[in-house]
Amino acid sequence: MTASAARADTRPSPRKRAGNGTARRIDADEIGLDALVGHAGYAVRRFQIWIFQDFIRTLGDVDIRPTQYSVLTVIGANPGLSQMAVAKRLGIERARLVHLLDSLEQRKLVKRIKSKADRRSHALHLTTPGETALAKFKRLAAEHERHVEARIGKENRERLLRILADFT
């Protein structure tokens, strides 16, 4: 089923069980989405899944995930930020960010330096290998963005970014 057909699909969902109580097999494309067709959240989530899968595929050789890329990019653009500032800006739970930073530190991409102003806090910096790696990650992420553009069109990609700008 095409994306436009899915948007227009208002068929009732097929029954989960055949009349005799056994589950029947249905191709995924044959399953009606009912009210989900008109839900922005559902469409955005499906697009997000596709986006993440393509990002992971495109950056698979360098073993970097979307959240790791976001953290490295923010640290690279803002050396010396605290963990709390990065977590708040990216909307990541602090405990999850600590785990993520541990893994990036083990890979020698990020270093934590105790803050001189607040010894309970750490300033985050990319290492020299981290700077080199981030440059490569950005090139691959640009390739991923070309995939997005190929999928939805240049104008739609630009429009989507404008629409979502209020949420960044």
N, C-alpha and C. Protein backbone atom coordinates (compact mmCIF):
# COMPACT_ATOMS: atom_id res chain seq x y z
N MET A 1 0.85 -1.17 0.00
CA MET A 1 0.00 0.00 0.00
C MET A 1 0.89 1.23 0.00
N THR A 2 0.57 2.21 -0.81
CA THR A 2 1.37 3.43 -0.89
C THR A 2 1.08 4.31 0.32
N ALA A 3 1.96 5.28 0.53
CA ALA A 3 1.76 6.19 1.66
C ALA A 3 0.46 6.97 1.51
N SER A 4 0.16 7.40 0.27
CA SER A 4 -1.08 8.15 0.08
C SER A 4 -2.30 7.27 0.29
N ALA A 5 -2.20 6.00 -0.09
CA ALA A 5 -3.31 5.07 0.15
C ALA A 5 -3.47 4.82 1.64
N ALA A 6 -2.35 4.75 2.37
CA ALA A 6 -2.42 4.53 3.82
C ALA A 6 -3.10 5.72 4.49
N ARG A 7 -2.80 6.95 4.01
CA ARG A 7 -3.41 8.13 4.60
C ARG A 7 -4.92 8.11 4.39
N ALA A 8 -5.35 7.60 3.23
CA ALA A 8 -6.78 7.60 2.92
C ALA A 8 -7.48 6.36 3.45
N ASP A 9 -6.74 5.43 4.04
CA ASP A 9 -7.28 4.15 4.48
C ASP A 9 -8.14 4.32 5.72
N THR A 10 -9.42 4.14 5.57
CA THR A 10 -10.32 4.21 6.73
C THR A 10 -11.03 2.89 6.94
N ARG A 11 -10.50 1.82 6.32
CA ARG A 11 -11.11 0.50 6.50
C ARG A 11 -11.08 0.11 7.96
N PRO A 12 -12.11 -0.59 8.41
CA PRO A 12 -12.02 -1.11 9.78
C PRO A 12 -10.91 -2.14 9.85
N SER A 13 -10.27 -2.22 11.00
CA SER A 13 -9.19 -3.19 11.17
C SER A 13 -9.73 -4.60 11.00
N PRO A 14 -8.98 -5.49 10.32
CA PRO A 14 -9.44 -6.87 10.18
C PRO A 14 -9.50 -7.55 11.54
N ARG A 15 -10.38 -8.52 11.64
CA ARG A 15 -10.48 -9.28 12.89
C ARG A 15 -9.18 -10.00 13.15
N LYS A 16 -8.84 -10.10 14.42
CA LYS A 16 -7.60 -10.76 14.80
C LYS A 16 -7.72 -12.27 14.72
N ARG A 17 -8.91 -12.78 14.86
CA ARG A 17 -9.09 -14.23 14.87
C ARG A 17 -10.13 -14.63 13.83
N ALA A 18 -9.88 -15.75 13.23
CA ALA A 18 -10.86 -16.30 12.30
C ALA A 18 -12.05 -16.78 13.12
N GLY A 19 -13.13 -17.11 12.47
CA GLY A 19 -14.33 -17.52 13.16
C GLY A 19 -14.16 -18.68 14.10
N ASN A 20 -13.18 -19.53 13.84
CA ASN A 20 -12.99 -20.70 14.71
C ASN A 20 -12.04 -20.43 15.87
N GLY A 21 -11.67 -19.17 16.09
CA GLY A 21 -10.83 -18.83 17.22
C GLY A 21 -9.34 -18.89 16.95
N THR A 22 -8.94 -19.31 15.77
CA THR A 22 -7.51 -19.37 15.45
C THR A 22 -7.09 -18.05 14.81
N ALA A 23 -5.86 -17.67 15.02
CA ALA A 23 -5.34 -16.45 14.43
C ALA A 23 -5.19 -16.66 12.93
N ARG A 24 -5.54 -15.64 12.16
CA ARG A 24 -5.34 -15.76 10.72
C ARG A 24 -4.19 -14.85 10.31
N ARG A 25 -3.49 -15.26 9.29
CA ARG A 25 -2.34 -14.50 8.81
C ARG A 25 -2.81 -13.42 7.85
N ILE A 26 -2.31 -12.22 8.08
CA ILE A 26 -2.65 -11.08 7.23
C ILE A 26 -1.35 -10.36 6.91
N ASP A 27 -1.17 -10.02 5.64
CA ASP A 27 -0.01 -9.21 5.28
C ASP A 27 -0.14 -7.85 5.96
N ALA A 28 0.97 -7.31 6.41
CA ALA A 28 0.95 -6.04 7.14
C ALA A 28 0.27 -4.94 6.32
N ASP A 29 0.49 -4.93 5.01
CA ASP A 29 -0.11 -3.89 4.17
C ASP A 29 -1.63 -3.99 4.09
N GLU A 30 -2.19 -5.14 4.45
CA GLU A 30 -3.63 -5.33 4.39
C GLU A 30 -4.34 -4.89 5.67
N ILE A 31 -3.59 -4.58 6.69
CA ILE A 31 -4.19 -4.22 7.98
C ILE A 31 -4.58 -2.75 7.95
N GLY A 32 -5.85 -2.47 8.19
CA GLY A 32 -6.34 -1.11 8.23
C GLY A 32 -5.83 -0.38 9.46
N LEU A 33 -5.63 0.91 9.32
CA LEU A 33 -5.11 1.72 10.43
C LEU A 33 -6.19 2.53 11.13
N ASP A 34 -7.39 2.55 10.57
CA ASP A 34 -8.52 3.23 11.17
C ASP A 34 -8.13 4.67 11.53
N ALA A 35 -8.37 5.10 12.75
CA ALA A 35 -8.16 6.49 13.15
C ALA A 35 -6.68 6.88 13.16
N LEU A 36 -5.77 5.91 13.21
CA LEU A 36 -4.35 6.24 13.22
C LEU A 36 -3.94 7.02 11.98
N VAL A 37 -4.65 6.81 10.88
CA VAL A 37 -4.33 7.50 9.63
C VAL A 37 -4.30 9.02 9.83
N GLY A 38 -5.17 9.53 10.65
CA GLY A 38 -5.25 10.97 10.87
C GLY A 38 -4.48 11.48 12.07
N HIS A 39 -3.70 10.63 12.73
CA HIS A 39 -2.95 11.05 13.91
C HIS A 39 -1.53 11.47 13.53
N ALA A 40 -1.22 12.73 13.78
CA ALA A 40 0.12 13.25 13.48
C ALA A 40 1.18 12.48 14.26
N GLY A 41 0.89 12.19 15.52
CA GLY A 41 1.86 11.48 16.35
C GLY A 41 2.23 10.12 15.78
N TYR A 42 1.26 9.40 15.26
CA TYR A 42 1.53 8.10 14.67
C TYR A 42 2.41 8.25 13.42
N ALA A 43 2.06 9.22 12.58
CA ALA A 43 2.84 9.43 11.35
C ALA A 43 4.27 9.86 11.68
N VAL A 44 4.41 10.77 12.65
CA VAL A 44 5.74 11.23 13.04
C VAL A 44 6.56 10.07 13.60
N ARG A 45 5.94 9.24 14.42
CA ARG A 45 6.66 8.10 15.00
C ARG A 45 7.11 7.13 13.92
N ARG A 46 6.26 6.85 12.94
CA ARG A 46 6.65 5.94 11.84
C ARG A 46 7.80 6.53 11.03
N PHE A 47 7.74 7.85 10.80
CA PHE A 47 8.82 8.52 10.08
C PHE A 47 10.10 8.48 10.91
N GLN A 48 9.97 8.68 12.22
CA GLN A 48 11.13 8.63 13.10
C GLN A 48 11.79 7.25 13.04
N ILE A 49 10.99 6.21 13.03
CA ILE A 49 11.54 4.86 12.93
C ILE A 49 12.34 4.71 11.65
N TRP A 50 11.77 5.17 10.53
CA TRP A 50 12.49 5.09 9.25
C TRP A 50 13.78 5.91 9.31
N ILE A 51 13.68 7.12 9.86
CA ILE A 51 14.85 8.01 9.97
C ILE A 51 15.96 7.33 10.78
N PHE A 52 15.61 6.79 11.95
CA PHE A 52 16.62 6.16 12.80
C PHE A 52 17.22 4.93 12.12
N GLN A 53 16.40 4.14 11.47
CA GLN A 53 16.92 2.95 10.78
C GLN A 53 17.90 3.35 9.69
N ASP A 54 17.57 4.38 8.93
CA ASP A 54 18.48 4.83 7.88
C ASP A 54 19.75 5.43 8.47
N PHE A 55 19.63 6.21 9.54
CA PHE A 55 20.80 6.79 10.20
C PHE A 55 21.73 5.67 10.68
N ILE A 56 21.16 4.68 11.34
CA ILE A 56 21.97 3.57 11.87
C ILE A 56 22.63 2.79 10.74
N ARG A 57 21.89 2.59 9.65
CA ARG A 57 22.46 1.90 8.48
C ARG A 57 23.59 2.71 7.88
N THR A 58 23.37 4.01 7.71
CA THR A 58 24.35 4.88 7.06
C THR A 58 25.60 5.05 7.91
N LEU A 59 25.44 5.10 9.23
CA LEU A 59 26.58 5.29 10.12
C LEU A 59 27.00 4.00 10.81
N GLY A 60 26.50 2.87 10.31
CA GLY A 60 26.76 1.57 10.93
C GLY A 60 28.23 1.21 11.02
N ASP A 61 29.00 1.57 10.00
CA ASP A 61 30.42 1.21 10.00
C ASP A 61 31.21 1.93 11.09
N VAL A 62 30.70 3.08 11.54
CA VAL A 62 31.41 3.83 12.58
C VAL A 62 30.77 3.62 13.96
N ASP A 63 29.72 2.80 14.01
CA ASP A 63 29.07 2.42 15.27
C ASP A 63 28.68 3.63 16.11
N ILE A 64 27.87 4.48 15.51
CA ILE A 64 27.39 5.66 16.24
C ILE A 64 25.87 5.71 16.10
N ARG A 65 25.20 5.99 17.19
CA ARG A 65 23.74 6.05 17.24
C ARG A 65 23.29 7.51 17.18
N PRO A 66 22.02 7.75 16.85
CA PRO A 66 21.55 9.14 16.75
C PRO A 66 21.79 9.96 18.02
N THR A 67 21.52 9.41 19.18
CA THR A 67 21.71 10.18 20.42
C THR A 67 23.18 10.46 20.67
N GLN A 68 24.05 9.49 20.40
CA GLN A 68 25.48 9.70 20.56
C GLN A 68 25.96 10.82 19.63
N TYR A 69 25.47 10.77 18.39
CA TYR A 69 25.83 11.81 17.42
C TYR A 69 25.37 13.18 17.92
N SER A 70 24.17 13.26 18.43
CA SER A 70 23.65 14.54 18.94
C SER A 70 24.52 15.07 20.07
N VAL A 71 24.88 14.20 21.01
CA VAL A 71 25.71 14.61 22.15
C VAL A 71 27.08 15.09 21.67
N LEU A 72 27.70 14.32 20.79
CA LEU A 72 29.02 14.72 20.27
C LEU A 72 28.94 16.05 19.53
N THR A 73 27.90 16.24 18.75
CA THR A 73 27.74 17.47 17.98
C THR A 73 27.58 18.67 18.90
N VAL A 74 26.77 18.54 19.93
CA VAL A 74 26.55 19.65 20.87
C VAL A 74 27.83 19.95 21.65
N ILE A 75 28.53 18.91 22.09
CA ILE A 75 29.79 19.13 22.82
C ILE A 75 30.81 19.78 21.89
N GLY A 76 30.88 19.31 20.65
CA GLY A 76 31.82 19.89 19.69
C GLY A 76 31.55 21.36 19.41
N ALA A 77 30.28 21.72 19.37
CA ALA A 77 29.90 23.11 19.09
C ALA A 77 29.98 24.00 20.33
N ASN A 78 30.02 23.38 21.52
CA ASN A 78 29.99 24.12 22.78
C ASN A 78 30.95 23.50 23.79
N PRO A 79 32.25 23.53 23.53
CA PRO A 79 33.19 22.90 24.46
C PRO A 79 33.06 23.48 25.86
N GLY A 80 33.10 22.59 26.85
CA GLY A 80 33.07 23.03 28.24
C GLY A 80 31.70 23.01 28.87
N LEU A 81 30.67 22.63 28.12
CA LEU A 81 29.33 22.53 28.72
C LEU A 81 29.32 21.50 29.83
N SER A 82 28.43 21.70 30.78
CA SER A 82 28.26 20.70 31.83
C SER A 82 27.37 19.57 31.31
N GLN A 83 27.44 18.43 31.99
CA GLN A 83 26.58 17.30 31.65
C GLN A 83 25.13 17.71 31.76
N MET A 84 24.79 18.47 32.82
CA MET A 84 23.41 18.89 33.02
C MET A 84 22.92 19.76 31.86
N ALA A 85 23.77 20.66 31.38
CA ALA A 85 23.38 21.55 30.28
C ALA A 85 23.13 20.75 29.00
N VAL A 86 23.98 19.77 28.73
CA VAL A 86 23.79 18.93 27.54
C VAL A 86 22.50 18.13 27.67
N ALA A 87 22.29 17.53 28.84
CA ALA A 87 21.08 16.73 29.06
C ALA A 87 19.83 17.58 28.87
N LYS A 88 19.84 18.77 29.44
CA LYS A 88 18.68 19.65 29.35
C LYS A 88 18.43 20.08 27.91
N ARG A 89 19.48 20.48 27.20
CA ARG A 89 19.33 20.98 25.83
C ARG A 89 18.81 19.91 24.89
N LEU A 90 19.26 18.66 25.08
CA LEU A 90 18.87 17.58 24.18
C LEU A 90 17.67 16.78 24.70
N GLY A 91 17.22 17.08 25.90
CA GLY A 91 16.07 16.37 26.45
C GLY A 91 16.38 14.92 26.80
N ILE A 92 17.58 14.69 27.31
CA ILE A 92 18.02 13.35 27.69
C ILE A 92 18.03 13.27 29.22
N GLU A 93 17.52 12.19 29.76
CA GLU A 93 17.58 12.00 31.21
C GLU A 93 19.04 11.99 31.64
N ARG A 94 19.30 12.64 32.77
CA ARG A 94 20.70 12.75 33.23
C ARG A 94 21.36 11.40 33.41
N ALA A 95 20.64 10.43 33.99
CA ALA A 95 21.24 9.11 34.21
C ALA A 95 21.59 8.45 32.88
N ARG A 96 20.74 8.62 31.89
CA ARG A 96 21.02 8.04 30.57
C ARG A 96 22.22 8.73 29.92
N LEU A 97 22.33 10.04 30.10
CA LEU A 97 23.45 10.77 29.54
C LEU A 97 24.76 10.31 30.18
N VAL A 98 24.76 10.08 31.48
CA VAL A 98 25.97 9.62 32.16
C VAL A 98 26.44 8.31 31.54
N HIS A 99 25.52 7.38 31.33
CA HIS A 99 25.86 6.09 30.70
C HIS A 99 26.40 6.31 29.28
N LEU A 100 25.75 7.19 28.54
CA LEU A 100 26.17 7.48 27.17
C LEU A 100 27.57 8.10 27.15
N LEU A 101 27.82 9.04 28.08
CA LEU A 101 29.14 9.67 28.15
C LEU A 101 30.21 8.66 28.57
N ASP A 102 29.86 7.74 29.45
CA ASP A 102 30.80 6.68 29.82
C ASP A 102 31.26 5.92 28.58
N SER A 103 30.30 5.57 27.72
CA SER A 103 30.67 4.80 26.52
C SER A 103 31.49 5.65 25.55
N LEU A 104 31.16 6.93 25.42
CA LEU A 104 31.94 7.80 24.53
C LEU A 104 33.34 8.06 25.09
N GLU A 105 33.43 8.12 26.41
CA GLU A 105 34.73 8.29 27.06
C GLU A 105 35.59 7.04 26.88
N GLN A 106 34.99 5.87 26.99
CA GLN A 106 35.72 4.62 26.77
C GLN A 106 36.25 4.53 25.35
N ARG A 107 35.52 5.11 24.41
CA ARG A 107 35.95 5.12 23.01
C ARG A 107 36.94 6.26 22.73
N LYS A 108 37.29 7.01 23.77
CA LYS A 108 38.26 8.12 23.68
C LYS A 108 37.77 9.25 22.78
N LEU A 109 36.44 9.46 22.73
CA LEU A 109 35.87 10.52 21.91
C LEU A 109 35.57 11.77 22.74
N VAL A 110 35.31 11.58 24.03
CA VAL A 110 34.92 12.66 24.93
C VAL A 110 35.77 12.58 26.19
N LYS A 111 36.04 13.74 26.77
CA LYS A 111 36.69 13.75 28.08
C LYS A 111 35.91 14.67 28.99
N ARG A 112 35.88 14.28 30.26
CA ARG A 112 35.25 15.09 31.31
C ARG A 112 36.37 15.74 32.11
N ILE A 113 36.22 17.02 32.31
CA ILE A 113 37.21 17.76 33.10
C ILE A 113 36.46 18.40 34.26
N LYS A 114 36.95 18.16 35.46
CA LYS A 114 36.30 18.74 36.64
C LYS A 114 36.23 20.25 36.47
N SER A 115 35.07 20.78 36.74
CA SER A 115 34.85 22.22 36.63
C SER A 115 35.60 22.94 37.75
N LYS A 116 36.24 24.04 37.40
CA LYS A 116 36.93 24.84 38.41
C LYS A 116 35.93 25.64 39.23
N ALA A 117 34.81 25.97 38.61
CA ALA A 117 33.79 26.77 39.28
C ALA A 117 32.93 25.93 40.23
N ASP A 118 32.68 24.66 39.85
CA ASP A 118 31.83 23.78 40.66
C ASP A 118 32.41 22.38 40.60
N ARG A 119 33.08 21.99 41.67
CA ARG A 119 33.80 20.71 41.65
C ARG A 119 32.86 19.50 41.56
N ARG A 120 31.55 19.71 41.73
CA ARG A 120 30.59 18.60 41.57
C ARG A 120 30.25 18.38 40.10
N SER A 121 30.66 19.31 39.26
CA SER A 121 30.29 19.30 37.84
C SER A 121 31.51 19.01 36.97
N HIS A 122 31.24 18.51 35.77
CA HIS A 122 32.29 18.26 34.79
C HIS A 122 32.04 19.06 33.54
N ALA A 123 33.10 19.61 32.97
CA ALA A 123 33.04 20.27 31.68
C ALA A 123 33.33 19.22 30.62
N LEU A 124 32.53 19.20 29.58
CA LEU A 124 32.67 18.18 28.54
C LEU A 124 33.41 18.75 27.33
N HIS A 125 34.35 17.96 26.83
CA HIS A 125 35.15 18.34 25.67
C HIS A 125 35.34 17.13 24.78
N LEU A 126 35.45 17.38 23.48
CA LEU A 126 35.86 16.31 22.57
C LEU A 126 37.37 16.13 22.71
N THR A 127 37.83 14.91 22.58
CA THR A 127 39.26 14.64 22.51
C THR A 127 39.70 14.94 21.08
N THR A 128 40.99 14.93 20.83
CA THR A 128 41.46 15.11 19.45
C THR A 128 40.91 14.00 18.55
N PRO A 129 40.96 12.72 18.97
CA PRO A 129 40.32 11.69 18.14
C PRO A 129 38.80 11.91 18.01
N GLY A 130 38.20 12.48 19.05
CA GLY A 130 36.76 12.77 19.01
C GLY A 130 36.43 13.82 17.97
N GLU A 131 37.28 14.84 17.85
CA GLU A 131 37.08 15.87 16.83
C GLU A 131 37.19 15.29 15.43
N THR A 132 38.19 14.42 15.24
CA THR A 132 38.37 13.77 13.94
C THR A 132 37.18 12.87 13.62
N ALA A 133 36.76 12.10 14.62
CA ALA A 133 35.62 11.19 14.42
C ALA A 133 34.35 11.97 14.13
N LEU A 134 34.12 13.07 14.84
CA LEU A 134 32.91 13.85 14.63
C LEU A 134 32.87 14.40 13.20
N ALA A 135 33.99 14.82 12.68
CA ALA A 135 34.02 15.31 11.29
C ALA A 135 33.57 14.21 10.34
N LYS A 136 34.02 12.99 10.57
CA LYS A 136 33.59 11.86 9.73
C LYS A 136 32.11 11.57 9.94
N PHE A 137 31.65 11.60 11.19
CA PHE A 137 30.24 11.34 11.49
C PHE A 137 29.35 12.38 10.79
N LYS A 138 29.81 13.63 10.76
CA LYS A 138 29.02 14.68 10.11
C LYS A 138 28.92 14.43 8.61
N ARG A 139 29.99 13.95 8.00
CA ARG A 139 29.93 13.63 6.56
C ARG A 139 28.93 12.52 6.30
N LEU A 140 28.95 11.49 7.15
CA LEU A 140 28.01 10.39 7.00
C LEU A 140 26.58 10.83 7.31
N ALA A 141 26.41 11.70 8.30
CA ALA A 141 25.08 12.20 8.63
C ALA A 141 24.53 13.04 7.48
N ALA A 142 25.40 13.76 6.77
CA ALA A 142 24.97 14.52 5.59
C ALA A 142 24.48 13.55 4.50
N GLU A 143 25.15 12.42 4.37
CA GLU A 143 24.69 11.39 3.43
C GLU A 143 23.30 10.89 3.84
N HIS A 144 23.11 10.66 5.12
CA HIS A 144 21.80 10.25 5.65
C HIS A 144 20.74 11.30 5.30
N GLU A 145 21.07 12.57 5.47
CA GLU A 145 20.11 13.64 5.14
C GLU A 145 19.77 13.63 3.65
N ARG A 146 20.74 13.26 2.80
CA ARG A 146 20.44 13.12 1.37
C ARG A 146 19.45 11.99 1.13
N HIS A 147 19.54 10.93 1.94
CA HIS A 147 18.57 9.83 1.84
C HIS A 147 17.17 10.33 2.20
N VAL A 148 17.08 11.15 3.25
CA VAL A 148 15.80 11.70 3.67
C VAL A 148 15.22 12.54 2.53
N GLU A 149 16.06 13.39 1.96
CA GLU A 149 15.63 14.25 0.86
C GLU A 149 15.17 13.42 -0.33
N ALA A 150 15.88 12.34 -0.62
CA ALA A 150 15.49 11.48 -1.73
C ALA A 150 14.13 10.82 -1.46
N ARG A 151 13.87 10.55 -0.21
CA ARG A 151 12.61 9.87 0.17
C ARG A 151 11.41 10.81 0.14
N ILE A 152 11.58 12.04 0.66
CA ILE A 152 10.42 12.93 0.78
C ILE A 152 10.49 14.16 -0.11
N GLY A 153 11.60 14.38 -0.79
CA GLY A 153 11.75 15.55 -1.66
C GLY A 153 12.39 16.71 -0.92
N LYS A 154 13.13 17.52 -1.67
CA LYS A 154 13.86 18.64 -1.08
C LYS A 154 12.92 19.65 -0.43
N GLU A 155 11.86 20.04 -1.14
CA GLU A 155 10.93 21.03 -0.62
C GLU A 155 10.23 20.51 0.64
N ASN A 156 9.82 19.25 0.64
CA ASN A 156 9.16 18.68 1.81
C ASN A 156 10.10 18.59 2.99
N ARG A 157 11.36 18.25 2.73
CA ARG A 157 12.35 18.20 3.81
C ARG A 157 12.52 19.59 4.43
N GLU A 158 12.65 20.61 3.58
CA GLU A 158 12.80 21.97 4.08
C GLU A 158 11.55 22.41 4.84
N ARG A 159 10.37 22.08 4.33
CA ARG A 159 9.12 22.43 5.00
C ARG A 159 9.03 21.71 6.34
N LEU A 160 9.40 20.45 6.36
CA LEU A 160 9.38 19.68 7.61
C LEU A 160 10.29 20.31 8.66
N LEU A 161 11.48 20.72 8.26
CA LEU A 161 12.40 21.36 9.19
C LEU A 161 11.83 22.68 9.73
N ARG A 162 11.15 23.43 8.87
CA ARG A 162 10.51 24.68 9.33
C ARG A 162 9.40 24.38 10.33
N ILE A 163 8.59 23.37 10.04
CA ILE A 163 7.50 23.01 10.93
C ILE A 163 8.03 22.56 12.29
N LEU A 164 9.08 21.79 12.27
CA LEU A 164 9.60 21.20 13.52
C LEU A 164 10.55 22.15 14.27
N ALA A 165 10.91 23.27 13.67
CA ALA A 165 11.87 24.19 14.29
C ALA A 165 11.42 24.65 15.67
N ASP A 166 10.13 24.80 15.89
CA ASP A 166 9.64 25.23 17.20
C ASP A 166 9.86 24.19 18.29
N PHE A 167 10.18 22.96 17.90
CA PHE A 167 10.34 21.88 18.87
C PHE A 167 11.80 21.56 19.16
N THR A 168 12.73 22.30 18.56
CA THR A 168 14.15 22.01 18.77
C THR A 168 14.73 22.87 19.87
